[in-house]
C-alpha atoms as a PDB file:
ATOM      1  CA  UNK A   1     -10.409 -13.723  67.142  1.00  0.00           C
ATOM      2  CA  UNK A   2      -9.680  -9.402  68.113  1.00  0.00           C
ATOM      3  CA  UNK A   3      -6.390 -10.231  64.862  1.00  0.00           C
ATOM      4  CA  UNK A   4      -9.246 -10.929  62.408  1.00  0.00           C
ATOM      5  CA  UNK A   5     -11.110  -7.862  63.738  1.00  0.00           C
ATOM      6  CA  UNK A   6      -8.106  -5.432  63.235  1.00  0.00           C
ATOM      7  CA  UNK A   7      -7.325  -6.478  59.904  1.00  0.00           C
ATOM      8  CA  UNK A   8     -10.955  -6.306  58.413  1.00  0.00           C
ATOM      9  CA  UNK A   9     -11.175  -3.229  59.666  1.00  0.00           C
ATOM     10  CA  UNK A  10      -7.718  -2.436  58.645  1.00  0.00           C
ATOM     11  CA  UNK A  11      -8.952  -3.474  54.982  1.00  0.00           C
ATOM     12  CA  UNK A  12     -11.881  -2.061  54.737  1.00  0.00           C
ATOM     13  CA  UNK A  13     -10.240   1.527  55.799  1.00  0.00           C
ATOM     14  CA  UNK A  14      -8.632   1.379  53.016  1.00  0.00           C
ATOM     15  CA  UNK A  15      -9.730   3.883  50.137  1.00  0.00           C
ATOM     16  CA  UNK A  16      -8.977   3.308  46.529  1.00  0.00           C
ATOM     17  CA  UNK A  17      -6.490   6.732  45.247  1.00  0.00           C
ATOM     18  CA  UNK A  18      -8.124   9.681  44.186  1.00  0.00           C
ATOM     19  CA  UNK A  19      -7.967  10.515  40.177  1.00  0.00           C
ATOM     20  CA  UNK A  20      -5.234  12.851  38.961  1.00  0.00           C
ATOM     21  CA  UNK A  21      -7.142  16.562  38.251  1.00  0.00           C
ATOM     22  CA  UNK A  22      -6.697  18.990  36.246  1.00  0.00           C
ATOM     23  CA  UNK A  23      -9.302  21.896  35.217  1.00  0.00           C
ATOM     24  CA  UNK A  24      -9.557  24.811  32.410  1.00  0.00           C
ATOM     25  CA  UNK A  25     -11.917  27.908  32.645  1.00  0.00           C
ATOM     26  CA  UNK A  26     -12.532  29.382  29.122  1.00  0.00           C
ATOM     27  CA  UNK A  27     -14.789  32.900  28.958  1.00  0.00           C
ATOM     28  CA  UNK A  28     -17.046  33.353  26.229  1.00  0.00           C
ATOM     29  CA  UNK A  29     -14.901  34.684  23.495  1.00  0.00           C
ATOM     30  CA  UNK A  30     -11.797  33.241  25.067  1.00  0.00           C
ATOM     31  CA  UNK A  31      -9.036  31.394  22.506  1.00  0.00           C
ATOM     32  CA  UNK A  32      -8.665  27.635  23.517  1.00  0.00           C
ATOM     33  CA  UNK A  33      -6.383  26.281  26.962  1.00  0.00           C
ATOM     34  CA  UNK A  34      -4.935  23.355  27.648  1.00  0.00           C
ATOM     35  CA  UNK A  35      -4.459  21.222  30.922  1.00  0.00           C
ATOM     36  CA  UNK A  36      -2.106  18.218  31.758  1.00  0.00           C
ATOM     37  CA  UNK A  37      -1.417  15.562  34.105  1.00  0.00           C
ATOM     38  CA  UNK A  38       1.959  13.765  34.909  1.00  0.00           C
ATOM     39  CA  UNK A  39       1.849   9.948  36.813  1.00  0.00           C
ATOM     40  CA  UNK A  40       4.327  10.804  39.869  1.00  0.00           C
ATOM     41  CA  UNK A  41       7.271   9.044  39.281  1.00  0.00           C
ATOM     42  CA  UNK A  42       6.465   5.243  40.011  1.00  0.00           C
ATOM     43  CA  UNK A  43       3.037   4.978  39.139  1.00  0.00           C
ATOM     44  CA  UNK A  44       1.145   3.721  35.896  1.00  0.00           C
ATOM     45  CA  UNK A  45      -2.049   4.826  34.796  1.00  0.00           C
ATOM     46  CA  UNK A  46      -4.543   2.209  35.428  1.00  0.00           C
ATOM     47  CA  UNK A  47      -5.997   0.219  32.747  1.00  0.00           C
ATOM     48  CA  UNK A  48      -9.317  -0.084  31.855  1.00  0.00           C
ATOM     49  CA  UNK A  49     -12.059  -2.720  33.597  1.00  0.00           C
ATOM     50  CA  UNK A  50     -15.698  -3.925  32.125  1.00  0.00           C
ATOM     51  CA  UNK A  51     -16.990  -0.852  34.983  1.00  0.00           C
ATOM     52  CA  UNK A  52     -14.790   2.063  33.938  1.00  0.00           C
ATOM     53  CA  UNK A  53     -16.181   1.144  30.056  1.00  0.00           C
ATOM     54  CA  UNK A  54     -19.419   1.266  31.327  1.00  0.00           C
ATOM     55  CA  UNK A  55     -19.407   4.236  33.306  1.00  0.00           C
ATOM     56  CA  UNK A  56     -17.771   6.150  30.163  1.00  0.00           C
ATOM     57  CA  UNK A  57     -13.602   6.176  31.828  1.00  0.00           C
ATOM     58  CA  UNK A  58     -11.542   4.683  29.176  1.00  0.00           C
ATOM     59  CA  UNK A  59      -9.686   6.455  26.497  1.00  0.00           C
ATOM     60  CA  UNK A  60      -8.128   4.253  23.909  1.00  0.00           C
ATOM     61  CA  UNK A  61      -4.546   4.751  22.836  1.00  0.00           C
ATOM     62  CA  UNK A  62      -2.086   2.198  21.330  1.00  0.00           C
ATOM     63  CA  UNK A  63      -3.972  -0.229  21.089  1.00  0.00           C
ATOM     64  CA  UNK A  64      -4.842  -0.107  24.725  1.00  0.00           C
ATOM     65  CA  UNK A  65      -7.044   1.490  27.431  1.00  0.00           C
ATOM     66  CA  UNK A  66      -6.664   3.526  30.245  1.00  0.00           C
ATOM     67  CA  UNK A  67      -9.270   4.988  32.996  1.00  0.00           C
ATOM     68  CA  UNK A  68      -9.088   8.948  31.783  1.00  0.00           C
ATOM     69  CA  UNK A  69     -11.859  10.946  30.963  1.00  0.00           C
ATOM     70  CA  UNK A  70     -12.563  14.741  31.181  1.00  0.00           C
ATOM     71  CA  UNK A  71     -16.429  16.233  32.238  1.00  0.00           C
ATOM     72  CA  UNK A  72     -17.380  19.269  30.063  1.00  0.00           C
ATOM     73  CA  UNK A  73     -19.843  22.353  30.759  1.00  0.00           C
ATOM     74  CA  UNK A  74     -20.864  25.271  28.760  1.00  0.00           C
ATOM     75  CA  UNK A  75     -20.758  25.121  24.523  1.00  0.00           C
ATOM     76  CA  UNK A  76     -16.738  24.271  23.712  1.00  0.00           C
ATOM     77  CA  UNK A  77     -15.886  21.059  23.251  1.00  0.00           C
ATOM     78  CA  UNK A  78     -14.142  19.223  25.454  1.00  0.00           C
ATOM     79  CA  UNK A  79     -11.405  16.578  24.608  1.00  0.00           C
ATOM     80  CA  UNK A  80      -8.413  14.541  25.685  1.00  0.00           C
ATOM     81  CA  UNK A  81      -6.495  15.237  22.938  1.00  0.00           C
ATOM     82  CA  UNK A  82      -2.870  13.092  21.353  1.00  0.00           C
ATOM     83  CA  UNK A  83      -1.100  16.062  21.105  1.00  0.00           C
ATOM     84  CA  UNK A  84       1.093  16.087  24.040  1.00  0.00           C
ATOM     85  CA  UNK A  85      -0.270  13.380  25.265  1.00  0.00           C
ATOM     86  CA  UNK A  86       1.938  10.308  26.098  1.00  0.00           C
ATOM     87  CA  UNK A  87       0.949   7.613  27.553  1.00  0.00           C
ATOM     88  CA  UNK A  88       3.507   5.320  27.891  1.00  0.00           C
ATOM     89  CA  UNK A  89       5.172   8.198  30.372  1.00  0.00           C
ATOM     90  CA  UNK A  90       2.542   8.819  32.580  1.00  0.00           C
ATOM     91  CA  UNK A  91       1.235  12.169  30.562  1.00  0.00           C
ATOM     92  CA  UNK A  92      -2.800  13.267  29.130  1.00  0.00           C
ATOM     93  CA  UNK A  93      -3.388  16.456  28.385  1.00  0.00           C
ATOM     94  CA  UNK A  94      -7.430  17.759  27.918  1.00  0.00           C
ATOM     95  CA  UNK A  95      -8.157  20.938  25.670  1.00  0.00           C
ATOM     96  CA  UNK A  96     -11.293  23.173  26.164  1.00  0.00           C
ATOM     97  CA  UNK A  97     -12.379  24.288  22.256  1.00  0.00           C
ATOM     98  CA  UNK A  98     -13.074  28.666  22.763  1.00  0.00           C
ATOM     99  CA  UNK A  99     -17.088  28.763  23.147  1.00  0.00           C
ATOM    100  CA  UNK A 100     -19.086  31.842  21.380  1.00  0.00           C
ATOM    101  CA  UNK A 101     -21.104  33.032  23.869  1.00  0.00           C
ATOM    102  CA  UNK A 102     -20.361  32.130  27.375  1.00  0.00           C
ATOM    103  CA  UNK A 103     -18.232  30.302  29.168  1.00  0.00           C
ATOM    104  CA  UNK A 104     -16.803  26.819  29.841  1.00  0.00           C
ATOM    105  CA  UNK A 105     -14.936  24.502  30.942  1.00  0.00           C
ATOM    106  CA  UNK A 106     -13.812  21.138  31.209  1.00  0.00           C
ATOM    107  CA  UNK A 107     -12.285  18.743  33.925  1.00  0.00           C
ATOM    108  CA  UNK A 108      -9.748  15.711  33.462  1.00  0.00           C
ATOM    109  CA  UNK A 109      -9.670  12.676  35.593  1.00  0.00           C
ATOM    110  CA  UNK A 110      -6.849  10.237  35.127  1.00  0.00           C
ATOM    111  CA  UNK A 111      -6.882   7.419  37.700  1.00  0.00           C
ATOM    112  CA  UNK A 112      -4.390   5.790  39.378  1.00  0.00           C
ATOM    113  CA  UNK A 113      -2.764   1.915  39.976  1.00  0.00           C
END
């Protein structure tokens, strides 16, 4: 009985890995900026599930869908870019376009398996 409780508590304490993250901040009138995340050796970007799709956390690439998303604030355009992104190598890049009138931020998140 004690072994079952110990195993159950060990399983409950296991958490999903935190997503990789990078942040871009652009002041009003400043040039566009990029950031990227690189998956550590031996890791891989997680494939999309229905719950990820419903949350808007999926990015399509090469006929597959991966769990990667951006969250932007301010007038600048925040997006995952094809340029400098290699899904096979585990490199994902985001770009925050210049913004007029106010500063902007962009956060890129990529979940691992």
